Amino acid sequence: MYDIFGKQILCGNIVANNSMINLENYPSGVYYITDEKGNSYKIVKL
């Protein structure tokens, strides 16, 4: 997972389609994840 500045803040594998990423310890903001096919997804934490 990357922050809005492109800094990697979390690394790991998502094993199932319904996996969850715990953002409890991260500040509000915009984050990006990339899947193994190179598709990027935006996550907004309010």
N, C-alpha and C. Protein backbone atom coordinates (compact mmCIF):
# COMPACT_ATOMS: atom_id res chain seq x y z
N MET A 1 0.85 -1.16 0.00
CA MET A 1 0.00 0.00 0.00
C MET A 1 0.90 1.22 0.00
N TYR A 2 0.50 2.22 -0.74
CA TYR A 2 1.28 3.44 -0.88
C TYR A 2 0.46 4.65 -0.45
N ASP A 3 1.15 5.65 0.10
CA ASP A 3 0.45 6.88 0.44
C ASP A 3 0.37 7.76 -0.80
N ILE A 4 -0.20 8.93 -0.66
CA ILE A 4 -0.43 9.82 -1.80
C ILE A 4 0.89 10.33 -2.41
N PHE A 5 1.97 10.24 -1.65
CA PHE A 5 3.28 10.68 -2.13
C PHE A 5 4.06 9.56 -2.81
N GLY A 6 3.48 8.35 -2.85
CA GLY A 6 4.14 7.22 -3.48
C GLY A 6 5.03 6.43 -2.56
N LYS A 7 5.03 6.76 -1.28
CA LYS A 7 5.84 6.04 -0.30
C LYS A 7 5.12 4.75 0.10
N GLN A 8 5.84 3.63 0.01
CA GLN A 8 5.25 2.36 0.42
C GLN A 8 5.14 2.32 1.94
N ILE A 9 3.93 2.08 2.43
CA ILE A 9 3.70 2.07 3.87
C ILE A 9 3.26 0.70 4.39
N LEU A 10 2.93 -0.21 3.47
CA LEU A 10 2.50 -1.55 3.88
C LEU A 10 2.77 -2.49 2.72
N CYS A 11 3.25 -3.68 3.03
CA CYS A 11 3.52 -4.67 2.00
C CYS A 11 2.94 -6.00 2.44
N GLY A 12 2.29 -6.69 1.54
CA GLY A 12 1.73 -8.00 1.87
C GLY A 12 0.93 -8.55 0.71
N ASN A 13 0.35 -9.70 0.92
CA ASN A 13 -0.46 -10.35 -0.10
C ASN A 13 -1.91 -10.44 0.35
N ILE A 14 -2.80 -10.18 -0.58
CA ILE A 14 -4.22 -10.37 -0.34
C ILE A 14 -4.57 -11.75 -0.88
N VAL A 15 -5.09 -12.60 -0.01
CA VAL A 15 -5.28 -14.00 -0.37
C VAL A 15 -6.67 -14.29 -0.95
N ALA A 16 -7.66 -13.51 -0.61
CA ALA A 16 -9.02 -13.77 -1.07
C ALA A 16 -9.67 -12.46 -1.53
N ASN A 17 -10.72 -12.58 -2.30
CA ASN A 17 -11.42 -11.39 -2.80
C ASN A 17 -12.04 -10.56 -1.70
N ASN A 18 -12.30 -11.15 -0.56
CA ASN A 18 -12.94 -10.41 0.53
C ASN A 18 -11.97 -10.09 1.67
N SER A 19 -10.69 -10.00 1.37
CA SER A 19 -9.68 -9.64 2.38
C SER A 19 -9.88 -8.20 2.82
N MET A 20 -9.48 -7.92 4.06
CA MET A 20 -9.60 -6.58 4.60
C MET A 20 -8.23 -6.04 4.98
N ILE A 21 -8.06 -4.75 4.82
CA ILE A 21 -6.83 -4.06 5.22
C ILE A 21 -7.20 -3.18 6.40
N ASN A 22 -6.54 -3.38 7.53
CA ASN A 22 -6.82 -2.59 8.72
C ASN A 22 -6.07 -1.26 8.64
N LEU A 23 -6.81 -0.18 8.52
CA LEU A 23 -6.23 1.16 8.42
C LEU A 23 -6.34 1.92 9.74
N GLU A 24 -6.67 1.21 10.81
CA GLU A 24 -6.90 1.84 12.11
C GLU A 24 -5.72 2.69 12.57
N ASN A 25 -4.50 2.24 12.31
CA ASN A 25 -3.31 2.94 12.79
C ASN A 25 -2.75 3.95 11.79
N TYR A 26 -3.48 4.20 10.71
CA TYR A 26 -3.03 5.15 9.70
C TYR A 26 -3.91 6.39 9.74
N PRO A 27 -3.33 7.55 9.46
CA PRO A 27 -4.13 8.78 9.48
C PRO A 27 -5.11 8.83 8.30
N SER A 28 -6.09 9.70 8.39
CA SER A 28 -7.02 9.91 7.28
C SER A 28 -6.24 10.34 6.06
N GLY A 29 -6.69 9.92 4.90
CA GLY A 29 -6.01 10.29 3.67
C GLY A 29 -6.34 9.35 2.54
N VAL A 30 -5.58 9.46 1.47
CA VAL A 30 -5.76 8.65 0.27
C VAL A 30 -4.60 7.67 0.18
N TYR A 31 -4.94 6.41 -0.09
CA TYR A 31 -3.94 5.35 -0.20
C TYR A 31 -4.20 4.58 -1.49
N TYR A 32 -3.17 3.93 -2.00
CA TYR A 32 -3.29 3.15 -3.22
C TYR A 32 -2.75 1.75 -3.01
N ILE A 33 -3.43 0.76 -3.58
CA ILE A 33 -2.92 -0.60 -3.59
C ILE A 33 -2.84 -1.04 -5.05
N THR A 34 -1.96 -1.97 -5.32
CA THR A 34 -1.78 -2.51 -6.66
C THR A 34 -1.87 -4.02 -6.59
N ASP A 35 -2.63 -4.62 -7.50
CA ASP A 35 -2.73 -6.07 -7.51
C ASP A 35 -1.63 -6.68 -8.36
N GLU A 36 -1.60 -8.01 -8.40
CA GLU A 36 -0.52 -8.71 -9.09
C GLU A 36 -0.55 -8.50 -10.60
N LYS A 37 -1.67 -8.03 -11.14
CA LYS A 37 -1.78 -7.75 -12.56
C LYS A 37 -1.43 -6.30 -12.90
N GLY A 38 -1.10 -5.51 -11.86
CA GLY A 38 -0.72 -4.12 -12.06
C GLY A 38 -1.88 -3.14 -11.98
N ASN A 39 -3.08 -3.61 -11.64
CA ASN A 39 -4.22 -2.73 -11.49
C ASN A 39 -4.12 -1.98 -10.17
N SER A 40 -4.36 -0.67 -10.20
CA SER A 40 -4.29 0.14 -8.99
C SER A 40 -5.68 0.48 -8.49
N TYR A 41 -5.82 0.55 -7.16
CA TYR A 41 -7.09 0.88 -6.53
C TYR A 41 -6.84 1.96 -5.49
N LYS A 42 -7.74 2.93 -5.47
CA LYS A 42 -7.63 4.03 -4.51
C LYS A 42 -8.49 3.73 -3.30
N ILE A 43 -7.92 3.96 -2.11
CA ILE A 43 -8.63 3.79 -0.84
C ILE A 43 -8.64 5.16 -0.17
N VAL A 44 -9.80 5.62 0.26
CA VAL A 44 -9.91 6.90 0.97
C VAL A 44 -10.34 6.60 2.39
N LYS A 45 -9.51 7.00 3.34
CA LYS A 45 -9.86 6.86 4.75
C LYS A 45 -10.27 8.23 5.27
N LEU A 46 -11.48 8.30 5.79
CA LEU A 46 -11.99 9.58 6.30
C LEU A 46 -11.67 9.75 7.75
